[in-house]
Amino acid sequence: MALHKCPECRHKISQNAMICPHCGFSFETASLEKYKQTLEQRRLHNQQINKKSAKLQFIWLIIFALFIALAGYFTS
């Protein structure tokens, strides 16, 4: 009997199970497609957040570099 992890709760269950006994996740085709769509939406949302975060980090890097440059200019 092979085991695999439930994509929802990550518990190990039988590969023949149609419903996870722990969380009730259904392994029917329609449910799996809905779950894949949800994962894709999460991935796109996280990608947008990462882009915003990278821009913000770049702005802080520039501010820090300017601060160091000004401090070096005024102390010499």
PDB file of N, CA and C in Angstrom:
ATOM      1  N   MET A   1       0.846  -1.169   0.000  1.00  0.00           N
ATOM      2  CA  MET A   1       0.000   0.000   0.000  1.00  0.00           C
ATOM      3  C   MET A   1       0.899   1.241   0.000  1.00  0.00           C
ATOM      4  N   ALA A   2       0.782   2.037  -1.019  1.00  0.00           N
ATOM      5  CA  ALA A   2       1.594   3.240  -1.141  1.00  0.00           C
ATOM      6  C   ALA A   2       0.926   4.402  -0.415  1.00  0.00           C
ATOM      7  N   LEU A   3       1.758   5.264   0.145  1.00  0.00           N
ATOM      8  CA  LEU A   3       1.274   6.444   0.843  1.00  0.00           C
ATOM      9  C   LEU A   3       1.725   7.695   0.105  1.00  0.00           C
ATOM     10  N   HIS A   4       0.909   8.717   0.175  1.00  0.00           N
ATOM     11  CA  HIS A   4       1.306  10.027  -0.323  1.00  0.00           C
ATOM     12  C   HIS A   4       0.740  11.077   0.626  1.00  0.00           C
ATOM     13  N   LYS A   5       1.231  12.300   0.487  1.00  0.00           N
ATOM     14  CA  LYS A   5       0.795  13.367   1.380  1.00  0.00           C
ATOM     15  C   LYS A   5      -0.415  14.084   0.811  1.00  0.00           C
ATOM     16  N   CYS A   6      -1.319  14.409   1.696  1.00  0.00           N
ATOM     17  CA  CYS A   6      -2.481  15.216   1.320  1.00  0.00           C
ATOM     18  C   CYS A   6      -1.976  16.630   1.022  1.00  0.00           C
ATOM     19  N   PRO A   7      -2.369  17.229  -0.107  1.00  0.00           N
ATOM     20  CA  PRO A   7      -1.879  18.570  -0.425  1.00  0.00           C
ATOM     21  C   PRO A   7      -2.410  19.643   0.517  1.00  0.00           C
ATOM     22  N   GLU A   8      -3.476  19.371   1.215  1.00  0.00           N
ATOM     23  CA  GLU A   8      -4.079  20.370   2.091  1.00  0.00           C
ATOM     24  C   GLU A   8      -3.480  20.330   3.497  1.00  0.00           C
ATOM     25  N   CYS A   9      -3.465  19.169   4.134  1.00  0.00           N
ATOM     26  CA  CYS A   9      -3.017  19.077   5.527  1.00  0.00           C
ATOM     27  C   CYS A   9      -1.634  18.437   5.684  1.00  0.00           C
ATOM     28  N   ARG A  10      -1.093  17.874   4.612  1.00  0.00           N
ATOM     29  CA  ARG A  10       0.250  17.274   4.570  1.00  0.00           C
ATOM     30  C   ARG A  10       0.389  15.991   5.395  1.00  0.00           C
ATOM     31  N   HIS A  11      -0.723  15.378   5.803  1.00  0.00           N
ATOM     32  CA  HIS A  11      -0.660  14.084   6.483  1.00  0.00           C
ATOM     33  C   HIS A  11      -0.500  12.984   5.440  1.00  0.00           C
ATOM     34  N   LYS A  12       0.157  11.899   5.833  1.00  0.00           N
ATOM     35  CA  LYS A  12       0.298  10.760   4.926  1.00  0.00           C
ATOM     36  C   LYS A  12      -0.993   9.952   4.940  1.00  0.00           C
ATOM     37  N   ILE A  13      -1.456   9.640   3.740  1.00  0.00           N
ATOM     38  CA  ILE A  13      -2.677   8.845   3.596  1.00  0.00           C
ATOM     39  C   ILE A  13      -2.463   7.827   2.483  1.00  0.00           C
ATOM     40  N   SER A  14      -3.364   6.884   2.399  1.00  0.00           N
ATOM     41  CA  SER A  14      -3.303   5.849   1.369  1.00  0.00           C
ATOM     42  C   SER A  14      -3.494   6.475  -0.014  1.00  0.00           C
ATOM     43  N   GLN A  15      -2.785   5.942  -0.988  1.00  0.00           N
ATOM     44  CA  GLN A  15      -2.894   6.444  -2.346  1.00  0.00           C
ATOM     45  C   GLN A  15      -4.265   6.119  -2.951  1.00  0.00           C
ATOM     46  N   ASN A  16      -4.950   5.136  -2.411  1.00  0.00           N
ATOM     47  CA  ASN A  16      -6.264   4.744  -2.911  1.00  0.00           C
ATOM     48  C   ASN A  16      -7.401   5.560  -2.297  1.00  0.00           C
ATOM     49  N   ALA A  17      -7.112   6.354  -1.274  1.00  0.00           N
ATOM     50  CA  ALA A  17      -8.155   7.131  -0.600  1.00  0.00           C
ATOM     51  C   ALA A  17      -8.683   8.221  -1.524  1.00  0.00           C
ATOM     52  N   MET A  18      -9.987   8.400  -1.527  1.00  0.00           N
ATOM     53  CA  MET A  18     -10.612   9.451  -2.332  1.00  0.00           C
ATOM     54  C   MET A  18     -10.847  10.717  -1.517  1.00  0.00           C
ATOM     55  N   ILE A  19     -10.850  10.585  -0.183  1.00  0.00           N
ATOM     56  CA  ILE A  19     -11.027  11.713   0.720  1.00  0.00           C
ATOM     57  C   ILE A  19     -10.022  11.572   1.860  1.00  0.00           C
ATOM     58  N   CYS A  20      -9.372  12.678   2.206  1.00  0.00           N
ATOM     59  CA  CYS A  20      -8.419  12.656   3.318  1.00  0.00           C
ATOM     60  C   CYS A  20      -9.197  12.495   4.626  1.00  0.00           C
ATOM     61  N   PRO A  21      -8.834  11.504   5.452  1.00  0.00           N
ATOM     62  CA  PRO A  21      -9.553  11.311   6.717  1.00  0.00           C
ATOM     63  C   PRO A  21      -9.239  12.396   7.748  1.00  0.00           C
ATOM     64  N   HIS A  22      -8.172  13.158   7.538  1.00  0.00           N
ATOM     65  CA  HIS A  22      -7.777  14.180   8.499  1.00  0.00           C
ATOM     66  C   HIS A  22      -8.469  15.519   8.257  1.00  0.00           C
ATOM     67  N   CYS A  23      -8.497  15.960   6.988  1.00  0.00           N
ATOM     68  CA  CYS A  23      -9.048  17.291   6.698  1.00  0.00           C
ATOM     69  C   CYS A  23     -10.262  17.260   5.775  1.00  0.00           C
ATOM     70  N   GLY A  24     -10.540  16.121   5.163  1.00  0.00           N
ATOM     71  CA  GLY A  24     -11.702  16.012   4.282  1.00  0.00           C
ATOM     72  C   GLY A  24     -11.446  16.444   2.853  1.00  0.00           C
ATOM     73  N   PHE A  25     -10.189  16.682   2.487  1.00  0.00           N
ATOM     74  CA  PHE A  25      -9.856  17.078   1.118  1.00  0.00           C
ATOM     75  C   PHE A  25     -10.231  15.951   0.158  1.00  0.00           C
ATOM     76  N   SER A  26     -10.924  16.308  -0.915  1.00  0.00           N
ATOM     77  CA  SER A  26     -11.382  15.324  -1.882  1.00  0.00           C
ATOM     78  C   SER A  26     -10.373  15.213  -3.027  1.00  0.00           C
ATOM     79  N   PHE A  27     -10.076  13.998  -3.434  1.00  0.00           N
ATOM     80  CA  PHE A  27      -9.130  13.763  -4.519  1.00  0.00           C
ATOM     81  C   PHE A  27      -9.835  13.540  -5.851  1.00  0.00           C
ATOM     82  N   GLU A  28     -11.085  13.956  -5.950  1.00  0.00           N
ATOM     83  CA  GLU A  28     -11.806  13.867  -7.214  1.00  0.00           C
ATOM     84  C   GLU A  28     -11.233  14.897  -8.181  1.00  0.00           C
ATOM     85  N   THR A  29     -11.403  14.671  -9.464  1.00  0.00           N
ATOM     86  CA  THR A  29     -10.815  15.514 -10.496  1.00  0.00           C
ATOM     87  C   THR A  29     -11.228  16.976 -10.358  1.00  0.00           C
ATOM     88  N   ALA A  30     -12.490  17.229 -10.097  1.00  0.00           N
ATOM     89  CA  ALA A  30     -12.977  18.611  -9.980  1.00  0.00           C
ATOM     90  C   ALA A  30     -12.327  19.320  -8.795  1.00  0.00           C
ATOM     91  N   SER A  31     -12.196  18.614  -7.683  1.00  0.00           N
ATOM     92  CA  SER A  31     -11.577  19.200  -6.495  1.00  0.00           C
ATOM     93  C   SER A  31     -10.101  19.483  -6.730  1.00  0.00           C
ATOM     94  N   LEU A  32      -9.422  18.567  -7.419  1.00  0.00           N
ATOM     95  CA  LEU A  32      -8.003  18.771  -7.697  1.00  0.00           C
ATOM     96  C   LEU A  32      -7.789  19.967  -8.623  1.00  0.00           C
ATOM     97  N   GLU A  33      -8.673  20.141  -9.604  1.00  0.00           N
ATOM     98  CA  GLU A  33      -8.555  21.290 -10.508  1.00  0.00           C
ATOM     99  C   GLU A  33      -8.773  22.598  -9.753  1.00  0.00           C
ATOM    100  N   LYS A  34      -9.758  22.604  -8.864  1.00  0.00           N
ATOM    101  CA  LYS A  34     -10.011  23.797  -8.060  1.00  0.00           C
ATOM    102  C   LYS A  34      -8.802  24.098  -7.181  1.00  0.00           C
ATOM    103  N   TYR A  35      -8.192  23.068  -6.610  1.00  0.00           N
ATOM    104  CA  TYR A  35      -7.015  23.245  -5.758  1.00  0.00           C
ATOM    105  C   TYR A  35      -5.840  23.781  -6.576  1.00  0.00           C
ATOM    106  N   LYS A  36      -5.657  23.289  -7.797  1.00  0.00           N
ATOM    107  CA  LYS A  36      -4.575  23.778  -8.663  1.00  0.00           C
ATOM    108  C   LYS A  36      -4.785  25.249  -9.010  1.00  0.00           C
ATOM    109  N   GLN A  37      -6.027  25.647  -9.250  1.00  0.00           N
ATOM    110  CA  GLN A  37      -6.319  27.051  -9.544  1.00  0.00           C
ATOM    111  C   GLN A  37      -6.013  27.929  -8.333  1.00  0.00           C
ATOM    112  N   THR A  38      -6.351  27.438  -7.148  1.00  0.00           N
ATOM    113  CA  THR A  38      -6.061  28.183  -5.926  1.00  0.00           C
ATOM    114  C   THR A  38      -4.558  28.341  -5.738  1.00  0.00           C
ATOM    115  N   LEU A  39      -3.810  27.276  -5.995  1.00  0.00           N
ATOM    116  CA  LEU A  39      -2.355  27.347  -5.880  1.00  0.00           C
ATOM    117  C   LEU A  39      -1.767  28.342  -6.873  1.00  0.00           C
ATOM    118  N   GLU A  40      -2.289  28.370  -8.084  1.00  0.00           N
ATOM    119  CA  GLU A  40      -1.806  29.307  -9.095  1.00  0.00           C
ATOM    120  C   GLU A  40      -2.101  30.749  -8.678  1.00  0.00           C
ATOM    121  N   GLN A  41      -3.281  30.984  -8.111  1.00  0.00           N
ATOM    122  CA  GLN A  41      -3.615  32.327  -7.634  1.00  0.00           C
ATOM    123  C   GLN A  41      -2.679  32.749  -6.504  1.00  0.00           C
ATOM    124  N   ARG A  42      -2.390  31.836  -5.591  1.00  0.00           N
ATOM    125  CA  ARG A  42      -1.453  32.139  -4.497  1.00  0.00           C
ATOM    126  C   ARG A  42      -0.067  32.440  -5.037  1.00  0.00           C
ATOM    127  N   ARG A  43       0.374  31.662  -6.037  1.00  0.00           N
ATOM    128  CA  ARG A  43       1.702  31.862  -6.617  1.00  0.00           C
ATOM    129  C   ARG A  43       1.801  33.238  -7.266  1.00  0.00           C
ATOM    130  N   LEU A  44       0.771  33.629  -8.018  1.00  0.00           N
ATOM    131  CA  LEU A  44       0.777  34.938  -8.665  1.00  0.00           C
ATOM    132  C   LEU A  44       0.748  36.068  -7.634  1.00  0.00           C
ATOM    133  N   HIS A  45      -0.039  35.887  -6.586  1.00  0.00           N
ATOM    134  CA  HIS A  45      -0.100  36.895  -5.532  1.00  0.00           C
ATOM    135  C   HIS A  45       1.261  37.038  -4.840  1.00  0.00           C
ATOM    136  N   ASN A  46       1.902  35.911  -4.519  1.00  0.00           N
ATOM    137  CA  ASN A  46       3.220  35.951  -3.887  1.00  0.00           C
ATOM    138  C   ASN A  46       4.260  36.573  -4.808  1.00  0.00           C
ATOM    139  N   GLN A  47       4.135  36.335  -6.102  1.00  0.00           N
ATOM    140  CA  GLN A  47       5.058  36.918  -7.073  1.00  0.00           C
ATOM    141  C   GLN A  47       4.927  38.438  -7.075  1.00  0.00           C
ATOM    142  N   GLN A  48       3.706  38.952  -6.999  1.00  0.00           N
ATOM    143  CA  GLN A  48       3.486  40.392  -6.947  1.00  0.00           C
ATOM    144  C   GLN A  48       4.070  40.986  -5.664  1.00  0.00           C
ATOM    145  N   ILE A  49       3.878  40.294  -4.549  1.00  0.00           N
ATOM    146  CA  ILE A  49       4.423  40.768  -3.279  1.00  0.00           C
ATOM    147  C   ILE A  49       5.942  40.791  -3.336  1.00  0.00           C
ATOM    148  N   ASN A  50       6.551  39.772  -3.931  1.00  0.00           N
ATOM    149  CA  ASN A  50       8.009  39.728  -4.031  1.00  0.00           C
ATOM    150  C   ASN A  50       8.547  40.862  -4.888  1.00  0.00           C
ATOM    151  N   LYS A  51       7.845  41.211  -5.960  1.00  0.00           N
ATOM    152  CA  LYS A  51       8.276  42.324  -6.803  1.00  0.00           C
ATOM    153  C   LYS A  51       8.229  43.634  -6.022  1.00  0.00           C
ATOM    154  N   LYS A  52       7.148  43.853  -5.279  1.00  0.00           N
ATOM    155  CA  LYS A  52       7.032  45.065  -4.475  1.00  0.00           C
ATOM    156  C   LYS A  52       8.125  45.106  -3.410  1.00  0.00           C
ATOM    157  N   SER A  53       8.391  43.978  -2.802  1.00  0.00           N
ATOM    158  CA  SER A  53       9.412  43.901  -1.766  1.00  0.00           C
ATOM    159  C   SER A  53      10.794  44.198  -2.349  1.00  0.00           C
ATOM    160  N   ALA A  54      11.080  43.689  -3.528  1.00  0.00           N
ATOM    161  CA  ALA A  54      12.375  43.930  -4.162  1.00  0.00           C
ATOM    162  C   ALA A  54      12.542  45.413  -4.472  1.00  0.00           C
ATOM    163  N   LYS A  55      11.488  46.068  -4.937  1.00  0.00           N
ATOM    164  CA  LYS A  55      11.557  47.504  -5.216  1.00  0.00           C
ATOM    165  C   LYS A  55      11.821  48.281  -3.936  1.00  0.00           C
ATOM    166  N   LEU A  56      11.132  47.920  -2.869  1.00  0.00           N
ATOM    167  CA  LEU A  56      11.319  48.599  -1.599  1.00  0.00           C
ATOM    168  C   LEU A  56      12.737  48.405  -1.069  1.00  0.00           C
ATOM    169  N   GLN A  57      13.275  47.217  -1.175  1.00  0.00           N
ATOM    170  CA  GLN A  57      14.640  46.953  -0.734  1.00  0.00           C
ATOM    171  C   GLN A  57      15.644  47.750  -1.554  1.00  0.00           C
ATOM    172  N   PHE A  58      15.405  47.893  -2.839  1.00  0.00           N
ATOM    173  CA  PHE A  58      16.282  48.674  -3.703  1.00  0.00           C
ATOM    174  C   PHE A  58      16.265  50.146  -3.294  1.00  0.00           C
ATOM    175  N   ILE A  59      15.087  50.666  -2.985  1.00  0.00           N
ATOM    176  CA  ILE A  59      14.982  52.058  -2.542  1.00  0.00           C
ATOM    177  C   ILE A  59      15.741  52.265  -1.237  1.00  0.00           C
ATOM    178  N   TRP A  60      15.610  51.341  -0.290  1.00  0.00           N
ATOM    179  CA  TRP A  60      16.346  51.452   0.965  1.00  0.00           C
ATOM    180  C   TRP A  60      17.851  51.349   0.735  1.00  0.00           C
ATOM    181  N   LEU A  61      18.277  50.543  -0.201  1.00  0.00           N
ATOM    182  CA  LEU A  61      19.703  50.436  -0.525  1.00  0.00           C
ATOM    183  C   LEU A  61      20.233  51.767  -1.045  1.00  0.00           C
ATOM    184  N   ILE A  62      19.460  52.426  -1.898  1.00  0.00           N
ATOM    185  CA  ILE A  62      19.877  53.722  -2.434  1.00  0.00           C
ATOM    186  C   ILE A  62      19.946  54.764  -1.311  1.00  0.00           C
ATOM    187  N   ILE A  63      18.951  54.786  -0.445  1.00  0.00           N
ATOM    188  CA  ILE A  63      18.956  55.727   0.680  1.00  0.00           C
ATOM    189  C   ILE A  63      20.166  55.473   1.572  1.00  0.00           C
ATOM    190  N   PHE A  64      20.449  54.225   1.864  1.00  0.00           N
ATOM    191  CA  PHE A  64      21.604  53.876   2.697  1.00  0.00           C
ATOM    192  C   PHE A  64      22.908  54.306   2.030  1.00  0.00           C
ATOM    193  N   ALA A  65      23.034  54.057   0.733  1.00  0.00           N
ATOM    194  CA  ALA A  65      24.248  54.442   0.005  1.00  0.00           C
ATOM    195  C   ALA A  65      24.415  55.960   0.006  1.00  0.00           C
ATOM    196  N   LEU A  66      23.334  56.705  -0.188  1.00  0.00           N
ATOM    197  CA  LEU A  66      23.409  58.168  -0.136  1.00  0.00           C
ATOM    198  C   LEU A  66      23.814  58.646   1.256  1.00  0.00           C
ATOM    199  N   PHE A  67      23.275  58.042   2.275  1.00  0.00           N
ATOM    200  CA  PHE A  67      23.628  58.411   3.646  1.00  0.00           C
ATOM    201  C   PHE A  67      25.102  58.184   3.910  1.00  0.00           C
ATOM    202  N   ILE A  68      25.631  57.029   3.480  1.00  0.00           N
ATOM    203  CA  ILE A  68      27.046  56.718   3.668  1.00  0.00           C
ATOM    204  C   ILE A  68      27.901  57.704   2.862  1.00  0.00           C
ATOM    205  N   ALA A  69      27.489  58.022   1.657  1.00  0.00           N
ATOM    206  CA  ALA A  69      28.242  58.958   0.819  1.00  0.00           C
ATOM    207  C   ALA A  69      28.260  60.346   1.454  1.00  0.00           C
ATOM    208  N   LEU A  70      27.123  60.815   1.942  1.00  0.00           N
ATOM    209  CA  LEU A  70      27.069  62.128   2.590  1.00  0.00           C
ATOM    210  C   LEU A  70      27.890  62.143   3.875  1.00  0.00           C
ATOM    211  N   ALA A  71      27.825  61.090   4.642  1.00  0.00           N
ATOM    212  CA  ALA A  71      28.610  61.002   5.877  1.00  0.00           C
ATOM    213  C   ALA A  71      30.102  61.026   5.552  1.00  0.00           C
ATOM    214  N   GLY A  72      30.499  60.332   4.518  1.00  0.00           N
ATOM    215  CA  GLY A  72      31.899  60.345   4.105  1.00  0.00           C
ATOM    216  C   GLY A  72      32.328  61.719   3.587  1.00  0.00           C
ATOM    217  N   TYR A  73      31.453  62.397   2.908  1.00  0.00           N
ATOM    218  CA  TYR A  73      31.763  63.718   2.366  1.00  0.00           C
ATOM    219  C   TYR A  73      31.942  64.740   3.479  1.00  0.00           C
ATOM    220  N   PHE A  74      31.057  64.715   4.482  1.00  0.00           N
ATOM    221  CA  PHE A  74      31.115  65.714   5.552  1.00  0.00           C
ATOM    222  C   PHE A  74      32.197  65.421   6.587  1.00  0.00           C
ATOM    223  N   THR A  75      32.661  64.189   6.702  1.00  0.00           N
ATOM    224  CA  THR A  75      33.695  63.873   7.681  1.00  0.00           C
ATOM    225  C   THR A  75      35.095  64.033   7.122  1.00  0.00           C
ATOM    226  N   SER A  76      35.233  64.195   5.815  1.00  0.00           N
ATOM    227  CA  SER A  76      36.584  64.341   5.268  1.00  0.00           C
ATOM    228  C   SER A  76      36.975  65.748   5.012  1.00  0.00           C
TER     229      SER A  76
END
